[in-house]
């Protein structure tokens, strides 16, 4: 069973409730909109957790260590 922190984070990602730059701007915050990791795209939940080149490398390392054969969509 996953720890509560992991469950909460997974729920936030699934519900697009993480406070990305996009979400903060919708709430009226004035901040840079580029992803802090790759500085190439708008920081959205989808970009941050699936399409960012840095995140993609992290997922690849995780799946390799875990012995999982998986290709990012």
C-alpha atoms as a PDB file:
ATOM      1  CA  UNK A   1       0.000   0.000   0.000  1.00  0.00           C
ATOM      2  CA  UNK A   2       1.329   3.450  -0.905  1.00  0.00           C
ATOM      3  CA  UNK A   3       1.985   6.076   1.800  1.00  0.00           C
ATOM      4  CA  UNK A   4      -0.649   8.798   2.204  1.00  0.00           C
ATOM      5  CA  UNK A   5       1.692  11.444   0.711  1.00  0.00           C
ATOM      6  CA  UNK A   6       1.976   9.392  -2.477  1.00  0.00           C
ATOM      7  CA  UNK A   7      -1.787   8.834  -2.620  1.00  0.00           C
ATOM      8  CA  UNK A   8      -2.441  12.560  -2.163  1.00  0.00           C
ATOM      9  CA  UNK A   9       0.098  13.531  -4.826  1.00  0.00           C
ATOM     10  CA  UNK A  10      -1.283  10.958  -7.276  1.00  0.00           C
ATOM     11  CA  UNK A  11      -4.782  12.312  -6.683  1.00  0.00           C
ATOM     12  CA  UNK A  12      -3.561  15.879  -7.337  1.00  0.00           C
ATOM     13  CA  UNK A  13      -1.870  14.863 -10.593  1.00  0.00           C
ATOM     14  CA  UNK A  14      -4.935  12.929 -11.781  1.00  0.00           C
ATOM     15  CA  UNK A  15      -7.254  15.854 -10.973  1.00  0.00           C
ATOM     16  CA  UNK A  16      -4.825  18.403 -12.489  1.00  0.00           C
ATOM     17  CA  UNK A  17      -4.732  20.081  -9.074  1.00  0.00           C
ATOM     18  CA  UNK A  18      -0.954  20.567  -8.834  1.00  0.00           C
ATOM     19  CA  UNK A  19       0.082  24.196  -8.576  1.00  0.00           C
ATOM     20  CA  UNK A  20       1.860  24.520 -11.899  1.00  0.00           C
ATOM     21  CA  UNK A  21       2.586  27.921 -13.413  1.00  0.00           C
ATOM     22  CA  UNK A  22      -0.544  27.541 -15.543  1.00  0.00           C
ATOM     23  CA  UNK A  23      -2.728  26.891 -12.471  1.00  0.00           C
ATOM     24  CA  UNK A  24      -1.172  29.775 -10.521  1.00  0.00           C
ATOM     25  CA  UNK A  25      -1.739  32.185 -13.423  1.00  0.00           C
ATOM     26  CA  UNK A  26      -5.402  31.165 -13.571  1.00  0.00           C
ATOM     27  CA  UNK A  27      -5.611  32.145  -9.889  1.00  0.00           C
ATOM     28  CA  UNK A  28      -4.190  35.583 -10.635  1.00  0.00           C
ATOM     29  CA  UNK A  29      -0.495  35.120  -9.800  1.00  0.00           C
ATOM     30  CA  UNK A  30       1.932  36.920 -12.069  1.00  0.00           C
ATOM     31  CA  UNK A  31       4.831  34.568 -12.754  1.00  0.00           C
ATOM     32  CA  UNK A  32       6.889  33.284 -15.655  1.00  0.00           C
ATOM     33  CA  UNK A  33       4.981  30.598 -17.511  1.00  0.00           C
ATOM     34  CA  UNK A  34       7.886  28.497 -18.770  1.00  0.00           C
ATOM     35  CA  UNK A  35       8.716  25.140 -17.217  1.00  0.00           C
ATOM     36  CA  UNK A  36      11.477  25.566 -14.636  1.00  0.00           C
ATOM     37  CA  UNK A  37      13.012  22.209 -15.558  1.00  0.00           C
ATOM     38  CA  UNK A  38      13.409  22.519 -19.340  1.00  0.00           C
ATOM     39  CA  UNK A  39      12.530  26.196 -19.913  1.00  0.00           C
ATOM     40  CA  UNK A  40      10.978  25.217 -23.257  1.00  0.00           C
ATOM     41  CA  UNK A  41       7.220  24.979 -22.793  1.00  0.00           C
ATOM     42  CA  UNK A  42       4.319  26.258 -20.749  1.00  0.00           C
ATOM     43  CA  UNK A  43       4.322  24.516 -17.354  1.00  0.00           C
ATOM     44  CA  UNK A  44       1.086  22.535 -17.347  1.00  0.00           C
ATOM     45  CA  UNK A  45       0.329  19.302 -15.499  1.00  0.00           C
ATOM     46  CA  UNK A  46       0.562  17.351 -18.751  1.00  0.00           C
ATOM     47  CA  UNK A  47       3.890  18.921 -19.703  1.00  0.00           C
ATOM     48  CA  UNK A  48       5.397  18.671 -16.230  1.00  0.00           C
ATOM     49  CA  UNK A  49       4.549  15.016 -15.615  1.00  0.00           C
ATOM     50  CA  UNK A  50       4.677  13.549 -19.131  1.00  0.00           C
ATOM     51  CA  UNK A  51       6.287  15.655 -21.848  1.00  0.00           C
ATOM     52  CA  UNK A  52       9.100  17.669 -20.241  1.00  0.00           C
ATOM     53  CA  UNK A  53      12.445  16.328 -21.456  1.00  0.00           C
ATOM     54  CA  UNK A  54      13.762  16.303 -17.862  1.00  0.00           C
ATOM     55  CA  UNK A  55      10.697  14.448 -16.578  1.00  0.00           C
ATOM     56  CA  UNK A  56      10.946  11.980 -19.462  1.00  0.00           C
ATOM     57  CA  UNK A  57      14.512  11.163 -18.387  1.00  0.00           C
ATOM     58  CA  UNK A  58      13.373  10.655 -14.772  1.00  0.00           C
ATOM     59  CA  UNK A  59      10.558   8.326 -15.899  1.00  0.00           C
ATOM     60  CA  UNK A  60      13.017   6.390 -18.101  1.00  0.00           C
ATOM     61  CA  UNK A  61      15.431   5.957 -15.180  1.00  0.00           C
ATOM     62  CA  UNK A  62      12.598   4.873 -12.857  1.00  0.00           C
ATOM     63  CA  UNK A  63      11.161   2.326 -15.292  1.00  0.00           C
ATOM     64  CA  UNK A  64      14.643   0.973 -16.017  1.00  0.00           C
ATOM     65  CA  UNK A  65      15.452   0.516 -12.307  1.00  0.00           C
ATOM     66  CA  UNK A  66      12.026  -1.014 -11.662  1.00  0.00           C
ATOM     67  CA  UNK A  67      12.384  -3.352 -14.659  1.00  0.00           C
ATOM     68  CA  UNK A  68       9.243  -1.990 -16.306  1.00  0.00           C
ATOM     69  CA  UNK A  69       8.911  -1.975 -20.099  1.00  0.00           C
ATOM     70  CA  UNK A  70       6.831   1.118 -20.747  1.00  0.00           C
ATOM     71  CA  UNK A  71       6.718   3.781 -23.436  1.00  0.00           C
ATOM     72  CA  UNK A  72       5.472   7.268 -22.582  1.00  0.00           C
ATOM     73  CA  UNK A  73       2.317   8.202 -24.503  1.00  0.00           C
END
